Amino acid sequence: MLNGVGDIPIIINSGYRSEEVNRKCGGAKGSNHLTGCAVDIRCYGPEQMIRMVGILLDIADGTKRDFDELIQEKRGSTYWVHFAVRPKDNRRKILFDCR
């Protein structure tokens, strides 16, 4: 296994975004992407998304490091995990946003 989720490479769709890019792609105002503290990880379906979330939670718990957001997202047939870590004041917010 390359990444714990089969032989599928990890693909980062989005990291840092300028305010203009964030606005054009429908990002939230105040997004962690604006400060370079977030990534969106492409997933090839719901199973890989669930496995990726498990891996990220295991790493956070095992290293005793907190995170700000861990959001499972889906639009149409596109799946991704939004993961954010701030320098301080992390909220450990876990959401499902599968419209």
PDB file of N, CA and C in Angstrom:
ATOM      1  N   MET A   1       0.829  -1.186   0.000  1.00  0.00           N
ATOM      2  CA  MET A   1       0.000   0.000   0.000  1.00  0.00           C
ATOM      3  C   MET A   1       0.872   1.247   0.000  1.00  0.00           C
ATOM      4  N   LEU A   2       0.537   2.174  -0.852  1.00  0.00           N
ATOM      5  CA  LEU A   2       1.271   3.439  -0.916  1.00  0.00           C
ATOM      6  C   LEU A   2       0.953   4.351   0.256  1.00  0.00           C
ATOM      7  N   ASN A   3      -0.305   4.452   0.597  1.00  0.00           N
ATOM      8  CA  ASN A   3      -0.719   5.464   1.562  1.00  0.00           C
ATOM      9  C   ASN A   3      -1.740   4.959   2.570  1.00  0.00           C
ATOM     10  N   GLY A   4      -1.840   3.661   2.740  1.00  0.00           N
ATOM     11  CA  GLY A   4      -2.807   3.115   3.678  1.00  0.00           C
ATOM     12  C   GLY A   4      -4.195   2.986   3.104  1.00  0.00           C
ATOM     13  N   VAL A   5      -4.378   3.406   1.886  1.00  0.00           N
ATOM     14  CA  VAL A   5      -5.699   3.328   1.258  1.00  0.00           C
ATOM     15  C   VAL A   5      -5.594   2.659  -0.107  1.00  0.00           C
ATOM     16  N   GLY A   6      -4.675   1.739  -0.238  1.00  0.00           N
ATOM     17  CA  GLY A   6      -4.495   1.052  -1.502  1.00  0.00           C
ATOM     18  C   GLY A   6      -3.354   1.672  -2.290  1.00  0.00           C
ATOM     19  N   ASP A   7      -3.262   1.313  -3.540  1.00  0.00           N
ATOM     20  CA  ASP A   7      -2.191   1.829  -4.396  1.00  0.00           C
ATOM     21  C   ASP A   7      -2.595   3.113  -5.109  1.00  0.00           C
ATOM     22  N   ILE A   8      -3.448   3.892  -4.481  1.00  0.00           N
ATOM     23  CA  ILE A   8      -3.907   5.148  -5.061  1.00  0.00           C
ATOM     24  C   ILE A   8      -3.092   6.279  -4.455  1.00  0.00           C
ATOM     25  N   PRO A   9      -2.475   7.127  -5.279  1.00  0.00           N
ATOM     26  CA  PRO A   9      -1.680   8.230  -4.731  1.00  0.00           C
ATOM     27  C   PRO A   9      -2.559   9.252  -4.010  1.00  0.00           C
ATOM     28  N   ILE A  10      -1.967   9.952  -3.062  1.00  0.00           N
ATOM     29  CA  ILE A  10      -2.670  11.047  -2.393  1.00  0.00           C
ATOM     30  C   ILE A  10      -2.563  12.276  -3.286  1.00  0.00           C
ATOM     31  N   ILE A  11      -3.704  12.863  -3.595  1.00  0.00           N
ATOM     32  CA  ILE A  11      -3.742  14.038  -4.470  1.00  0.00           C
ATOM     33  C   ILE A  11      -4.340  15.204  -3.693  1.00  0.00           C
ATOM     34  N   ILE A  12      -3.564  16.274  -3.556  1.00  0.00           N
ATOM     35  CA  ILE A  12      -4.031  17.491  -2.893  1.00  0.00           C
ATOM     36  C   ILE A  12      -4.652  18.388  -3.955  1.00  0.00           C
ATOM     37  N   ASN A  13      -5.958  18.628  -3.835  1.00  0.00           N
ATOM     38  CA  ASN A  13      -6.657  19.492  -4.789  1.00  0.00           C
ATOM     39  C   ASN A  13      -6.433  20.958  -4.499  1.00  0.00           C
ATOM     40  N   SER A  14      -6.315  21.294  -3.223  1.00  0.00           N
ATOM     41  CA  SER A  14      -6.253  22.697  -2.863  1.00  0.00           C
ATOM     42  C   SER A  14      -5.466  22.855  -1.570  1.00  0.00           C
ATOM     43  N   GLY A  15      -4.620  23.854  -1.522  1.00  0.00           N
ATOM     44  CA  GLY A  15      -3.885  24.214  -0.310  1.00  0.00           C
ATOM     45  C   GLY A  15      -4.148  25.689  -0.058  1.00  0.00           C
ATOM     46  N   TYR A  16      -3.090  26.510  -0.134  1.00  0.00           N
ATOM     47  CA  TYR A  16      -3.260  27.950   0.031  1.00  0.00           C
ATOM     48  C   TYR A  16      -4.106  28.506  -1.115  1.00  0.00           C
ATOM     49  N   ARG A  17      -5.008  29.427  -0.773  1.00  0.00           N
ATOM     50  CA  ARG A  17      -5.797  30.144  -1.779  1.00  0.00           C
ATOM     51  C   ARG A  17      -5.753  31.639  -1.482  1.00  0.00           C
ATOM     52  N   SER A  18      -5.623  32.436  -2.529  1.00  0.00           N
ATOM     53  CA  SER A  18      -5.779  33.882  -2.359  1.00  0.00           C
ATOM     54  C   SER A  18      -7.269  34.157  -2.122  1.00  0.00           C
ATOM     55  N   GLU A  19      -7.591  35.359  -1.660  1.00  0.00           N
ATOM     56  CA  GLU A  19      -8.997  35.709  -1.443  1.00  0.00           C
ATOM     57  C   GLU A  19      -9.795  35.603  -2.739  1.00  0.00           C
ATOM     58  N   GLU A  20      -9.189  36.027  -3.854  1.00  0.00           N
ATOM     59  CA  GLU A  20      -9.890  35.968  -5.138  1.00  0.00           C
ATOM     60  C   GLU A  20     -10.187  34.528  -5.543  1.00  0.00           C
ATOM     61  N   VAL A  21      -9.195  33.654  -5.453  1.00  0.00           N
ATOM     62  CA  VAL A  21      -9.400  32.247  -5.813  1.00  0.00           C
ATOM     63  C   VAL A  21     -10.404  31.608  -4.862  1.00  0.00           C
ATOM     64  N   ASN A  22     -10.298  31.899  -3.582  1.00  0.00           N
ATOM     65  CA  ASN A  22     -11.229  31.346  -2.601  1.00  0.00           C
ATOM     66  C   ASN A  22     -12.663  31.756  -2.918  1.00  0.00           C
ATOM     67  N   ARG A  23     -12.866  33.002  -3.279  1.00  0.00           N
ATOM     68  CA  ARG A  23     -14.197  33.506  -3.626  1.00  0.00           C
ATOM     69  C   ARG A  23     -14.717  32.817  -4.886  1.00  0.00           C
ATOM     70  N   LYS A  24     -13.856  32.695  -5.913  1.00  0.00           N
ATOM     71  CA  LYS A  24     -14.275  32.089  -7.187  1.00  0.00           C
ATOM     72  C   LYS A  24     -14.627  30.616  -7.063  1.00  0.00           C
ATOM     73  N   CYS A  25     -13.979  29.906  -6.124  1.00  0.00           N
ATOM     74  CA  CYS A  25     -14.281  28.472  -5.990  1.00  0.00           C
ATOM     75  C   CYS A  25     -15.340  28.206  -4.916  1.00  0.00           C
ATOM     76  N   GLY A  26     -15.929  29.276  -4.373  1.00  0.00           N
ATOM     77  CA  GLY A  26     -17.006  29.107  -3.402  1.00  0.00           C
ATOM     78  C   GLY A  26     -16.544  28.796  -2.001  1.00  0.00           C
ATOM     79  N   GLY A  27     -15.281  29.118  -1.682  1.00  0.00           N
ATOM     80  CA  GLY A  27     -14.746  28.883  -0.344  1.00  0.00           C
ATOM     81  C   GLY A  27     -15.385  29.790   0.688  1.00  0.00           C
ATOM     82  N   ALA A  28     -15.374  29.339   1.923  1.00  0.00           N
ATOM     83  CA  ALA A  28     -15.971  30.096   3.025  1.00  0.00           C
ATOM     84  C   ALA A  28     -15.129  31.332   3.342  1.00  0.00           C
ATOM     85  N   LYS A  29     -15.801  32.411   3.736  1.00  0.00           N
ATOM     86  CA  LYS A  29     -15.069  33.584   4.222  1.00  0.00           C
ATOM     87  C   LYS A  29     -14.329  33.158   5.475  1.00  0.00           C
ATOM     88  N   GLY A  30     -13.100  33.564   5.626  1.00  0.00           N
ATOM     89  CA  GLY A  30     -12.311  33.171   6.787  1.00  0.00           C
ATOM     90  C   GLY A  30     -11.776  31.747   6.701  1.00  0.00           C
ATOM     91  N   SER A  31     -11.811  31.158   5.501  1.00  0.00           N
ATOM     92  CA  SER A  31     -11.335  29.793   5.298  1.00  0.00           C
ATOM     93  C   SER A  31      -9.889  29.620   5.753  1.00  0.00           C
ATOM     94  N   ASN A  32      -9.585  28.451   6.294  1.00  0.00           N
ATOM     95  CA  ASN A  32      -8.202  28.128   6.655  1.00  0.00           C
ATOM     96  C   ASN A  32      -7.294  28.073   5.427  1.00  0.00           C
ATOM     97  N   HIS A  33      -7.870  27.931   4.242  1.00  0.00           N
ATOM     98  CA  HIS A  33      -7.064  27.952   3.018  1.00  0.00           C
ATOM     99  C   HIS A  33      -6.397  29.322   2.823  1.00  0.00           C
ATOM    100  N   LEU A  34      -7.036  30.387   3.304  1.00  0.00           N
ATOM    101  CA  LEU A  34      -6.514  31.740   3.124  1.00  0.00           C
ATOM    102  C   LEU A  34      -5.199  31.962   3.862  1.00  0.00           C
ATOM    103  N   THR A  35      -4.949  31.183   4.887  1.00  0.00           N
ATOM    104  CA  THR A  35      -3.708  31.309   5.651  1.00  0.00           C
ATOM    105  C   THR A  35      -2.757  30.147   5.383  1.00  0.00           C
ATOM    106  N   GLY A  36      -3.113  29.285   4.441  1.00  0.00           N
ATOM    107  CA  GLY A  36      -2.265  28.136   4.119  1.00  0.00           C
ATOM    108  C   GLY A  36      -2.312  27.049   5.174  1.00  0.00           C
ATOM    109  N   CYS A  37      -3.358  27.024   5.985  1.00  0.00           N
ATOM    110  CA  CYS A  37      -3.469  26.042   7.073  1.00  0.00           C
ATOM    111  C   CYS A  37      -4.402  24.885   6.736  1.00  0.00           C
ATOM    112  N   ALA A  38      -4.836  24.762   5.460  1.00  0.00           N
ATOM    113  CA  ALA A  38      -5.774  23.697   5.092  1.00  0.00           C
ATOM    114  C   ALA A  38      -5.394  23.072   3.759  1.00  0.00           C
ATOM    115  N   VAL A  39      -5.783  21.808   3.622  1.00  0.00           N
ATOM    116  CA  VAL A  39      -5.659  21.105   2.347  1.00  0.00           C
ATOM    117  C   VAL A  39      -6.967  20.380   2.064  1.00  0.00           C
ATOM    118  N   ASP A  40      -7.245  20.197   0.788  1.00  0.00           N
ATOM    119  CA  ASP A  40      -8.344  19.344   0.349  1.00  0.00           C
ATOM    120  C   ASP A  40      -7.712  18.148  -0.348  1.00  0.00           C
ATOM    121  N   ILE A  41      -8.021  16.953   0.145  1.00  0.00           N
ATOM    122  CA  ILE A  41      -7.430  15.719  -0.370  1.00  0.00           C
ATOM    123  C   ILE A  41      -8.484  14.982  -1.188  1.00  0.00           C
ATOM    124  N   ARG A  42      -8.202  14.794  -2.462  1.00  0.00           N
ATOM    125  CA  ARG A  42      -9.142  14.105  -3.354  1.00  0.00           C
ATOM    126  C   ARG A  42      -9.262  12.642  -2.933  1.00  0.00           C
ATOM    127  N   CYS A  43     -10.475  12.128  -2.966  1.00  0.00           N
ATOM    128  CA  CYS A  43     -10.727  10.723  -2.648  1.00  0.00           C
ATOM    129  C   CYS A  43     -11.500  10.096  -3.794  1.00  0.00           C
ATOM    130  N   TYR A  44     -11.195   8.837  -4.058  1.00  0.00           N
ATOM    131  CA  TYR A  44     -11.848   8.111  -5.143  1.00  0.00           C
ATOM    132  C   TYR A  44     -12.996   7.282  -4.588  1.00  0.00           C
ATOM    133  N   GLY A  45     -13.985   7.967  -4.029  1.00  0.00           N
ATOM    134  CA  GLY A  45     -15.168   7.313  -3.511  1.00  0.00           C
ATOM    135  C   GLY A  45     -15.252   7.354  -2.003  1.00  0.00           C
ATOM    136  N   PRO A  46     -16.407   6.918  -1.474  1.00  0.00           N
ATOM    137  CA  PRO A  46     -16.647   7.023  -0.033  1.00  0.00           C
ATOM    138  C   PRO A  46     -15.732   6.134   0.810  1.00  0.00           C
ATOM    139  N   GLU A  47     -15.363   4.965   0.309  1.00  0.00           N
ATOM    140  CA  GLU A  47     -14.501   4.096   1.107  1.00  0.00           C
ATOM    141  C   GLU A  47     -13.140   4.733   1.340  1.00  0.00           C
ATOM    142  N   GLN A  48     -12.527   5.277   0.294  1.00  0.00           N
ATOM    143  CA  GLN A  48     -11.228   5.921   0.473  1.00  0.00           C
ATOM    144  C   GLN A  48     -11.354   7.138   1.392  1.00  0.00           C
ATOM    145  N   MET A  49     -12.474   7.871   1.292  1.00  0.00           N
ATOM    146  CA  MET A  49     -12.675   9.032   2.143  1.00  0.00           C
ATOM    147  C   MET A  49     -12.728   8.609   3.614  1.00  0.00           C
ATOM    148  N   ILE A  50     -13.456   7.551   3.922  1.00  0.00           N
ATOM    149  CA  ILE A  50     -13.552   7.064   5.297  1.00  0.00           C
ATOM    150  C   ILE A  50     -12.193   6.597   5.796  1.00  0.00           C
ATOM    151  N   ARG A  51     -11.448   5.888   4.949  1.00  0.00           N
ATOM    152  CA  ARG A  51     -10.116   5.424   5.341  1.00  0.00           C
ATOM    153  C   ARG A  51      -9.169   6.601   5.600  1.00  0.00           C
ATOM    154  N   MET A  52      -9.236   7.627   4.757  1.00  0.00           N
ATOM    155  CA  MET A  52      -8.370   8.802   4.931  1.00  0.00           C
ATOM    156  C   MET A  52      -8.680   9.504   6.246  1.00  0.00           C
ATOM    157  N   VAL A  53      -9.951   9.641   6.572  1.00  0.00           N
ATOM    158  CA  VAL A  53     -10.350  10.262   7.833  1.00  0.00           C
ATOM    159  C   VAL A  53      -9.813   9.450   9.008  1.00  0.00           C
ATOM    160  N   GLY A  54      -9.905   8.120   8.936  1.00  0.00           N
ATOM    161  CA  GLY A  54      -9.377   7.265   9.994  1.00  0.00           C
ATOM    162  C   GLY A  54      -7.882   7.446  10.178  1.00  0.00           C
ATOM    163  N   ILE A  55      -7.155   7.526   9.065  1.00  0.00           N
ATOM    164  CA  ILE A  55      -5.705   7.719   9.124  1.00  0.00           C
ATOM    165  C   ILE A  55      -5.370   9.059   9.775  1.00  0.00           C
ATOM    166  N   LEU A  56      -6.052  10.121   9.366  1.00  0.00           N
ATOM    167  CA  LEU A  56      -5.774  11.449   9.924  1.00  0.00           C
ATOM    168  C   LEU A  56      -6.099  11.509  11.418  1.00  0.00           C
ATOM    169  N   LEU A  57      -7.210  10.887  11.832  1.00  0.00           N
ATOM    170  CA  LEU A  57      -7.550  10.857  13.253  1.00  0.00           C
ATOM    171  C   LEU A  57      -6.525  10.045  14.044  1.00  0.00           C
ATOM    172  N   ASP A  58      -6.093   8.910  13.501  1.00  0.00           N
ATOM    173  CA  ASP A  58      -5.075   8.094  14.176  1.00  0.00           C
ATOM    174  C   ASP A  58      -3.772   8.871  14.354  1.00  0.00           C
ATOM    175  N   ILE A  59      -3.367   9.605  13.325  1.00  0.00           N
ATOM    176  CA  ILE A  59      -2.139  10.405  13.421  1.00  0.00           C
ATOM    177  C   ILE A  59      -2.300  11.501  14.469  1.00  0.00           C
ATOM    178  N   ALA A  60      -3.437  12.215  14.446  1.00  0.00           N
ATOM    179  CA  ALA A  60      -3.665  13.286  15.426  1.00  0.00           C
ATOM    180  C   ALA A  60      -3.654  12.728  16.845  1.00  0.00           C
ATOM    181  N   ASP A  61      -4.322  11.596  17.060  1.00  0.00           N
ATOM    182  CA  ASP A  61      -4.369  11.009  18.401  1.00  0.00           C
ATOM    183  C   ASP A  61      -3.009  10.446  18.810  1.00  0.00           C
ATOM    184  N   GLY A  62      -2.337   9.773  17.886  1.00  0.00           N
ATOM    185  CA  GLY A  62      -1.050   9.147  18.192  1.00  0.00           C
ATOM    186  C   GLY A  62       0.050  10.143  18.496  1.00  0.00           C
ATOM    187  N   THR A  63      -0.013  11.302  17.862  1.00  0.00           N
ATOM    188  CA  THR A  63       1.011  12.334  18.086  1.00  0.00           C
ATOM    189  C   THR A  63       0.577  13.358  19.129  1.00  0.00           C
ATOM    190  N   LYS A  64      -0.669  13.212  19.605  1.00  0.00           N
ATOM    191  CA  LYS A  64      -1.238  14.161  20.574  1.00  0.00           C
ATOM    192  C   LYS A  64      -1.230  15.591  20.022  1.00  0.00           C
ATOM    193  N   ARG A  65      -1.386  15.697  18.702  1.00  0.00           N
ATOM    194  CA  ARG A  65      -1.460  17.005  18.038  1.00  0.00           C
ATOM    195  C   ARG A  65      -2.911  17.236  17.637  1.00  0.00           C
ATOM    196  N   ASP A  66      -3.388  18.430  17.858  1.00  0.00           N
ATOM    197  CA  ASP A  66      -4.772  18.724  17.517  1.00  0.00           C
ATOM    198  C   ASP A  66      -4.879  19.277  16.103  1.00  0.00           C
ATOM    199  N   PHE A  67      -6.080  19.319  15.607  1.00  0.00           N
ATOM    200  CA  PHE A  67      -6.374  19.865  14.280  1.00  0.00           C
ATOM    201  C   PHE A  67      -7.560  20.801  14.426  1.00  0.00           C
ATOM    202  N   ASP A  68      -7.766  21.631  13.432  1.00  0.00           N
ATOM    203  CA  ASP A  68      -8.883  22.566  13.480  1.00  0.00           C
ATOM    204  C   ASP A  68     -10.139  21.976  12.856  1.00  0.00           C
ATOM    205  N   GLU A  69      -9.997  21.463  11.625  1.00  0.00           N
ATOM    206  CA  GLU A  69     -11.162  20.928  10.916  1.00  0.00           C
ATOM    207  C   GLU A  69     -10.807  19.633  10.197  1.00  0.00           C
ATOM    208  N   LEU A  70     -11.747  18.714  10.215  1.00  0.00           N
ATOM    209  CA  LEU A  70     -11.668  17.482   9.432  1.00  0.00           C
ATOM    210  C   LEU A  70     -13.060  17.289   8.848  1.00  0.00           C
ATOM    211  N   ILE A  71     -13.203  17.651   7.579  1.00  0.00           N
ATOM    212  CA  ILE A  71     -14.523  17.678   6.958  1.00  0.00           C
ATOM    213  C   ILE A  71     -14.549  16.716   5.776  1.00  0.00           C
ATOM    214  N   GLN A  72     -15.517  15.801   5.797  1.00  0.00           N
ATOM    215  CA  GLN A  72     -15.739  14.920   4.655  1.00  0.00           C
ATOM    216  C   GLN A  72     -16.718  15.642   3.729  1.00  0.00           C
ATOM    217  N   GLU A  73     -16.314  15.825   2.471  1.00  0.00           N
ATOM    218  CA  GLU A  73     -17.144  16.596   1.551  1.00  0.00           C
ATOM    219  C   GLU A  73     -17.413  15.816   0.271  1.00  0.00           C
ATOM    220  N   LYS A  74     -18.596  16.065  -0.296  1.00  0.00           N
ATOM    221  CA  LYS A  74     -18.992  15.433  -1.553  1.00  0.00           C
ATOM    222  C   LYS A  74     -19.880  16.398  -2.321  1.00  0.00           C
ATOM    223  N   ARG A  75     -19.575  16.565  -3.583  1.00  0.00           N
ATOM    224  CA  ARG A  75     -20.422  17.328  -4.501  1.00  0.00           C
ATOM    225  C   ARG A  75     -20.567  16.473  -5.753  1.00  0.00           C
ATOM    226  N   GLY A  76     -21.784  16.058  -6.049  1.00  0.00           N
ATOM    227  CA  GLY A  76     -21.986  15.169  -7.193  1.00  0.00           C
ATOM    228  C   GLY A  76     -21.248  13.866  -6.945  1.00  0.00           C
ATOM    229  N   SER A  77     -20.355  13.520  -7.865  1.00  0.00           N
ATOM    230  CA  SER A  77     -19.579  12.288  -7.711  1.00  0.00           C
ATOM    231  C   SER A  77     -18.152  12.560  -7.246  1.00  0.00           C
ATOM    232  N   THR A  78     -17.878  13.789  -6.780  1.00  0.00           N
ATOM    233  CA  THR A  78     -16.540  14.168  -6.328  1.00  0.00           C
ATOM    234  C   THR A  78     -16.478  14.132  -4.802  1.00  0.00           C
ATOM    235  N   TYR A  79     -15.492  13.395  -4.285  1.00  0.00           N
ATOM    236  CA  TYR A  79     -15.285  13.248  -2.841  1.00  0.00           C
ATOM    237  C   TYR A  79     -13.940  13.861  -2.456  1.00  0.00           C
ATOM    238  N   TRP A  80     -13.888  14.521  -1.292  1.00  0.00           N
ATOM    239  CA  TRP A  80     -12.611  14.994  -0.778  1.00  0.00           C
ATOM    240  C   TRP A  80     -12.688  15.164   0.730  1.00  0.00           C
ATOM    241  N   VAL A  81     -11.514  15.220   1.358  1.00  0.00           N
ATOM    242  CA  VAL A  81     -11.393  15.484   2.786  1.00  0.00           C
ATOM    243  C   VAL A  81     -10.693  16.824   2.944  1.00  0.00           C
ATOM    244  N   HIS A  82     -11.322  17.713   3.669  1.00  0.00           N
ATOM    245  CA  HIS A  82     -10.730  19.008   4.014  1.00  0.00           C
ATOM    246  C   HIS A  82     -10.092  18.828   5.385  1.00  0.00           C
ATOM    247  N   PHE A  83      -8.795  19.124   5.483  1.00  0.00           N
ATOM    248  CA  PHE A  83      -8.076  18.964   6.751  1.00  0.00           C
ATOM    249  C   PHE A  83      -7.312  20.242   7.039  1.00  0.00           C
ATOM    250  N   ALA A  84      -7.505  20.791   8.246  1.00  0.00           N
ATOM    251  CA  ALA A  84      -6.862  22.054   8.609  1.00  0.00           C
ATOM    252  C   ALA A  84      -6.227  21.952   9.981  1.00  0.00           C
ATOM    253  N   VAL A  85      -5.035  22.544  10.098  1.00  0.00           N
ATOM    254  CA  VAL A  85      -4.309  22.624  11.360  1.00  0.00           C
ATOM    255  C   VAL A  85      -3.830  24.064  11.515  1.00  0.00           C
ATOM    256  N   ARG A  86      -4.254  24.719  12.552  1.00  0.00           N
ATOM    257  CA  ARG A  86      -3.839  26.094  12.830  1.00  0.00           C
ATOM    258  C   ARG A  86      -2.659  26.096  13.802  1.00  0.00           C
ATOM    259  N   PRO A  87      -1.895  27.190  13.821  1.00  0.00           N
ATOM    260  CA  PRO A  87      -0.807  27.290  14.797  1.00  0.00           C
ATOM    261  C   PRO A  87      -1.310  27.256  16.245  1.00  0.00           C
ATOM    262  N   LYS A  88      -2.558  27.759  16.487  1.00  0.00           N
ATOM    263  CA  LYS A  88      -3.148  27.732  17.830  1.00  0.00           C
ATOM    264  C   LYS A  88      -4.668  27.797  17.699  1.00  0.00           C
ATOM    265  N   ASP A  89      -5.334  27.572  18.804  1.00  0.00           N
ATOM    266  CA  ASP A  89      -6.805  27.644  18.867  1.00  0.00           C
ATOM    267  C   ASP A  89      -7.502  26.659  17.934  1.00  0.00           C
ATOM    268  N   ASN A  90      -6.981  25.439  17.819  1.00  0.00           N
ATOM    269  CA  ASN A  90      -7.626  24.402  17.014  1.00  0.00           C
ATOM    270  C   ASN A  90      -8.899  23.931  17.711  1.00  0.00           C
ATOM    271  N   ARG A  91      -9.946  23.691  16.906  1.00  0.00           N
ATOM    272  CA  ARG A  91     -11.274  23.365  17.445  1.00  0.00           C
ATOM    273  C   ARG A  91     -11.621  21.881  17.384  1.00  0.00           C
ATOM    274  N   ARG A  92     -10.854  21.093  16.651  1.00  0.00           N
ATOM    275  CA  ARG A  92     -11.137  19.665  16.449  1.00  0.00           C
ATOM    276  C   ARG A  92     -12.577  19.470  15.946  1.00  0.00           C
ATOM    277  N   LYS A  93     -12.924  20.263  14.952  1.00  0.00           N
ATOM    278  CA  LYS A  93     -14.258  20.236  14.356  1.00  0.00           C
ATOM    279  C   LYS A  93     -14.312  19.141  13.294  1.00  0.00           C
ATOM    280  N   ILE A  94     -15.251  18.207  13.449  1.00  0.00           N
ATOM    281  CA  ILE A  94     -15.435  17.120  12.481  1.00  0.00           C
ATOM    282  C   ILE A  94     -16.840  17.251  11.899  1.00  0.00           C
ATOM    283  N   LEU A  95     -16.922  17.345  10.566  1.00  0.00           N
ATOM    284  CA  LEU A  95     -18.202  17.525   9.897  1.00  0.00           C
ATOM    285  C   LEU A  95     -18.337  16.602   8.696  1.00  0.00           C
ATOM    286  N   PHE A  96     -19.589  16.387   8.297  1.00  0.00           N
ATOM    287  CA  PHE A  96     -19.913  15.707   7.041  1.00  0.00           C
ATOM    288  C   PHE A  96     -20.679  16.709   6.203  1.00  0.00           C
ATOM    289  N   ASP A  97     -20.183  17.039   5.029  1.00  0.00           N
ATOM    290  CA  ASP A  97     -20.834  17.981   4.129  1.00  0.00           C
ATOM    291  C   ASP A  97     -20.981  17.288   2.789  1.00  0.00           C
ATOM    292  N   CYS A  98     -21.993  16.432   2.709  1.00  0.00           N
ATOM    293  CA  CYS A  98     -22.195  15.604   1.506  1.00  0.00           C
ATOM    294  C   CYS A  98     -23.523  15.963   0.870  1.00  0.00           C
ATOM    295  N   ARG A  99     -23.516  17.090   0.193  1.00  0.00           N
ATOM    296  CA  ARG A  99     -24.751  17.576  -0.451  1.00  0.00           C
ATOM    297  C   ARG A  99     -25.049  16.793  -1.711  1.00  0.00           C
TER     298      ARG A  99
END
